[in-house]
């Protein structure tokens, strides 16, 4: 008898197994050093089985990274939606960001440690990446609309994002001195950024040329 076709749920379950196995290998060896045969061996299936669910390794990597971006975006969106006001939303994003990085280090690493050529070939990855970007920018626009900040929302969002990412990476790598608490560092950095933005609203427009000190 011919094999019974797999249901959509069965396909989804096995695709997740492939992605989970691939994630472990990608993080341990780097995506460029992982083969489809290794992924199959990790799963304990024949070398050709993963090809029934994904075209190639790059498609698996795209699926893994898209899932990470979506999980990240969902975590931050929930935090924003639960916050009672605009200031609280800003704090909630920062707290959720740190929680996500610590709770899901593999997903965090898949988002930021690896990149792909021709990402536009994978619509789900492009969509997930854009969604993650929006979670890091949307609350900034709310702050601007409420009169708490001025400037370009996209640029401000990236400034906050870069600061958060830098602190998270330093903490996770154990590169902060013992007397430097990561949460305190984050609070001080954000307060300093916020104060600076009030004094000089960030803009993507070129600023005035710098002049050398006159003697």
Protein backbone atom coordinates (compact mmCIF):
# COMPACT_ATOMS: atom_id res chain seq x y z
CA UNK A 1 0.00 0.00 0.00
CA UNK A 2 1.22 3.53 -0.74
CA UNK A 3 2.09 5.63 2.25
CA UNK A 4 -0.68 7.81 3.57
CA UNK A 5 0.07 11.50 2.86
CA UNK A 6 1.11 13.44 5.92
CA UNK A 7 -1.32 15.95 7.34
CA UNK A 8 -0.44 19.64 7.49
CA UNK A 9 0.02 19.29 11.23
CA UNK A 10 2.44 16.38 10.80
CA UNK A 11 4.41 18.36 8.23
CA UNK A 12 4.56 21.36 10.57
CA UNK A 13 5.72 19.19 13.47
CA UNK A 14 8.53 17.63 11.45
CA UNK A 15 9.59 20.98 9.99
CA UNK A 16 9.94 22.25 13.56
CA UNK A 17 12.06 19.21 14.43
CA UNK A 18 14.30 19.98 11.48
CA UNK A 19 14.59 23.62 12.54
CA UNK A 20 15.37 22.70 16.16
CA UNK A 21 18.09 20.27 15.10
CA UNK A 22 19.52 22.75 12.62
CA UNK A 23 19.58 25.51 15.23
CA UNK A 24 21.71 23.39 17.55
CA UNK A 25 24.16 22.66 14.73
CA UNK A 26 24.20 26.23 13.42
CA UNK A 27 25.08 27.63 16.83
CA UNK A 28 27.69 24.97 17.56
CA UNK A 29 29.44 24.98 14.18
CA UNK A 30 28.21 28.04 12.27
CA UNK A 31 25.74 27.71 9.38
CA UNK A 32 28.49 27.63 6.76
CA UNK A 33 29.92 24.46 8.34
CA UNK A 34 26.63 22.54 8.55
CA UNK A 35 25.32 20.23 5.84
CA UNK A 36 21.90 18.75 5.17
CA UNK A 37 23.42 15.34 5.84
CA UNK A 38 24.47 16.48 9.32
CA UNK A 39 20.98 17.80 10.01
CA UNK A 40 19.50 14.47 8.96
CA UNK A 41 21.96 12.61 11.20
CA UNK A 42 21.02 14.87 14.12
CA UNK A 43 17.40 13.85 13.57
CA UNK A 44 18.21 10.17 13.04
CA UNK A 45 16.59 10.06 9.59
CA UNK A 46 17.85 9.31 6.09
CA UNK A 47 20.01 11.90 4.34
CA UNK A 48 17.24 12.76 1.88
CA UNK A 49 14.41 13.18 4.39
CA UNK A 50 15.00 16.90 5.16
CA UNK A 51 14.76 17.63 1.42
CA UNK A 52 11.12 16.56 1.50
CA UNK A 53 10.40 19.54 3.76
CA UNK A 54 12.99 22.17 2.73
CA UNK A 55 14.72 22.92 -0.57
CA UNK A 56 18.14 23.30 1.01
CA UNK A 57 20.06 24.41 4.10
CA UNK A 58 19.54 28.09 3.33
CA UNK A 59 15.78 27.64 3.42
CA UNK A 60 16.11 25.97 6.82
CA UNK A 61 18.29 28.83 8.07
CA UNK A 62 15.73 31.35 6.80
CA UNK A 63 12.92 29.48 8.57
CA UNK A 64 14.90 29.32 11.82
CA UNK A 65 15.69 33.02 11.73
CA UNK A 66 12.11 33.97 10.82
CA UNK A 67 10.82 31.98 13.78
CA UNK A 68 13.29 33.75 16.06
CA UNK A 69 12.25 37.21 14.82
CA UNK A 70 8.56 36.36 15.26
CA UNK A 71 9.10 35.05 18.79
CA UNK A 72 11.05 38.20 19.62
CA UNK A 73 8.36 40.47 18.17
CA UNK A 74 5.59 38.64 20.02
CA UNK A 75 7.41 38.94 23.34
CA UNK A 76 7.92 42.67 22.97
CA UNK A 77 4.41 43.30 21.63
CA UNK A 78 2.83 41.58 24.63
CA UNK A 79 4.89 43.75 26.97
CA UNK A 80 3.90 46.94 25.15
CA UNK A 81 0.21 46.05 25.07
CA UNK A 82 0.13 45.37 28.81
CA UNK A 83 1.81 48.65 29.79
CA UNK A 84 -0.64 51.32 31.04
CA UNK A 85 0.96 54.43 29.48
CA UNK A 86 3.60 55.58 27.02
CA UNK A 87 6.45 55.86 29.53
CA UNK A 88 5.61 52.43 30.88
CA UNK A 89 5.63 51.03 27.34
CA UNK A 90 9.19 52.25 26.83
CA UNK A 91 10.32 50.56 30.05
CA UNK A 92 8.37 47.42 29.16
CA UNK A 93 10.16 47.10 25.82
CA UNK A 94 13.56 47.26 27.51
CA UNK A 95 12.60 44.73 30.18
CA UNK A 96 11.07 42.36 27.62
CA UNK A 97 14.13 42.66 25.40
CA UNK A 98 16.47 41.55 28.20
CA UNK A 99 14.12 38.75 29.29
CA UNK A 100 13.95 37.42 25.75
CA UNK A 101 17.72 37.43 25.27
CA UNK A 102 18.25 35.54 28.54
CA UNK A 103 15.33 33.13 28.15
CA UNK A 104 15.91 32.33 24.47
CA UNK A 105 19.65 32.77 23.85
CA UNK A 106 19.60 30.50 20.79
CA UNK A 107 16.85 32.54 19.13
CA UNK A 108 18.65 35.76 20.03
CA UNK A 109 21.85 34.44 18.52
CA UNK A 110 20.07 33.35 15.33
CA UNK A 111 18.73 36.87 14.87
CA UNK A 112 21.92 38.81 15.43
CA UNK A 113 24.94 36.55 15.00
CA UNK A 114 24.12 35.27 11.52
CA UNK A 115 23.14 36.90 8.25
CA UNK A 116 22.23 35.61 4.82
CA UNK A 117 22.81 36.74 1.27
CA UNK A 118 19.71 37.48 -0.79
CA UNK A 119 17.37 37.42 2.20
CA UNK A 120 14.66 38.86 -0.03
CA UNK A 121 14.31 35.38 -1.55
CA UNK A 122 12.56 34.32 1.67
CA UNK A 123 9.32 36.30 2.13
CA UNK A 124 8.61 34.90 5.59
CA UNK A 125 12.03 36.00 6.82
CA UNK A 126 11.59 39.47 5.32
CA UNK A 127 8.16 39.77 6.94
CA UNK A 128 9.39 38.54 10.34
CA UNK A 129 12.40 40.86 10.24
CA UNK A 130 10.15 43.83 9.48
CA UNK A 131 7.82 42.86 12.31
CA UNK A 132 10.72 42.71 14.78
CA UNK A 133 11.90 46.09 13.56
CA UNK A 134 8.46 47.56 14.10
CA UNK A 135 8.37 46.40 17.73
CA UNK A 136 11.60 48.31 18.35
CA UNK A 137 10.37 51.45 16.60
CA UNK A 138 6.63 51.61 17.21
CA UNK A 139 6.82 52.61 20.87
CA UNK A 140 9.26 55.40 19.96
CA UNK A 141 6.66 56.92 17.65
CA UNK A 142 4.16 56.78 20.53
CA UNK A 143 6.63 58.73 22.68
CA UNK A 144 7.04 61.32 19.92
CA UNK A 145 3.26 61.59 19.48
CA UNK A 146 2.90 62.13 23.24
CA UNK A 147 5.47 64.95 23.18
CA UNK A 148 8.03 63.03 25.24
CA UNK A 149 10.62 62.95 22.46
CA UNK A 150 11.41 64.78 19.25
CA UNK A 151 13.31 63.54 16.23
CA UNK A 152 13.29 60.73 13.72
CA UNK A 153 11.54 57.68 15.19
CA UNK A 154 13.50 55.20 13.10
CA UNK A 155 16.85 56.68 14.11
CA UNK A 156 15.89 56.92 17.78
CA UNK A 157 14.67 53.33 17.72
CA UNK A 158 17.99 52.18 16.33
CA UNK A 159 19.86 54.18 18.97
CA UNK A 160 17.91 52.49 21.76
CA UNK A 161 18.22 49.12 20.02
CA UNK A 162 21.99 49.41 19.58
CA UNK A 163 22.41 50.34 23.24
CA UNK A 164 20.24 47.45 24.43
CA UNK A 165 22.02 44.96 22.21
CA UNK A 166 25.46 46.11 23.30
CA UNK A 167 24.64 45.77 26.99
CA UNK A 168 23.00 42.36 26.51
CA UNK A 169 25.99 41.03 24.57
CA UNK A 170 28.46 42.33 27.16
CA UNK A 171 26.49 40.75 29.99
CA UNK A 172 25.97 37.40 28.26
CA UNK A 173 29.67 37.26 27.37
CA UNK A 174 30.64 38.00 30.99
CA UNK A 175 32.50 41.15 29.93
CA UNK A 176 31.05 43.51 32.55
CA UNK A 177 33.12 44.19 35.64
CA UNK A 178 31.73 42.80 38.87
CA UNK A 179 30.75 46.21 40.18
CA UNK A 180 28.80 47.00 36.98
CA UNK A 181 25.23 45.74 37.19
CA UNK A 182 23.69 45.26 33.74
CA UNK A 183 20.27 46.60 34.76
CA UNK A 184 21.83 49.70 36.31
CA UNK A 185 23.99 50.21 33.23
CA UNK A 186 20.95 49.94 31.00
CA UNK A 187 19.00 52.45 33.10
CA UNK A 188 21.88 54.96 33.13
CA UNK A 189 22.47 54.62 29.39
CA UNK A 190 18.80 55.10 28.57
CA UNK A 191 18.47 58.12 30.86
CA UNK A 192 21.55 59.67 29.28
CA UNK A 193 20.29 58.98 25.77
CA UNK A 194 16.87 60.36 26.63
CA UNK A 195 18.32 63.55 28.10
CA UNK A 196 20.57 64.02 25.09
CA UNK A 197 17.67 63.56 22.70
CA UNK A 198 15.66 66.23 24.50
CA UNK A 199 18.58 68.64 24.13
CA UNK A 200 19.34 67.69 20.53
CA UNK A 201 16.56 65.74 18.78
CA UNK A 202 18.12 63.02 16.58
CA UNK A 203 17.64 63.56 12.86
CA UNK A 204 18.76 61.76 9.73
CA UNK A 205 19.42 65.16 8.17
CA UNK A 206 23.15 66.04 8.02
CA UNK A 207 24.21 68.27 10.88
CA UNK A 208 26.31 71.41 10.68
CA UNK A 209 30.00 70.83 9.83
CA UNK A 210 32.35 70.51 12.77
CA UNK A 211 34.81 73.35 13.21
CA UNK A 212 38.25 73.09 14.67
CA UNK A 213 38.82 75.04 17.88
CA UNK A 214 40.15 78.46 17.22
CA UNK A 215 43.43 79.36 18.86
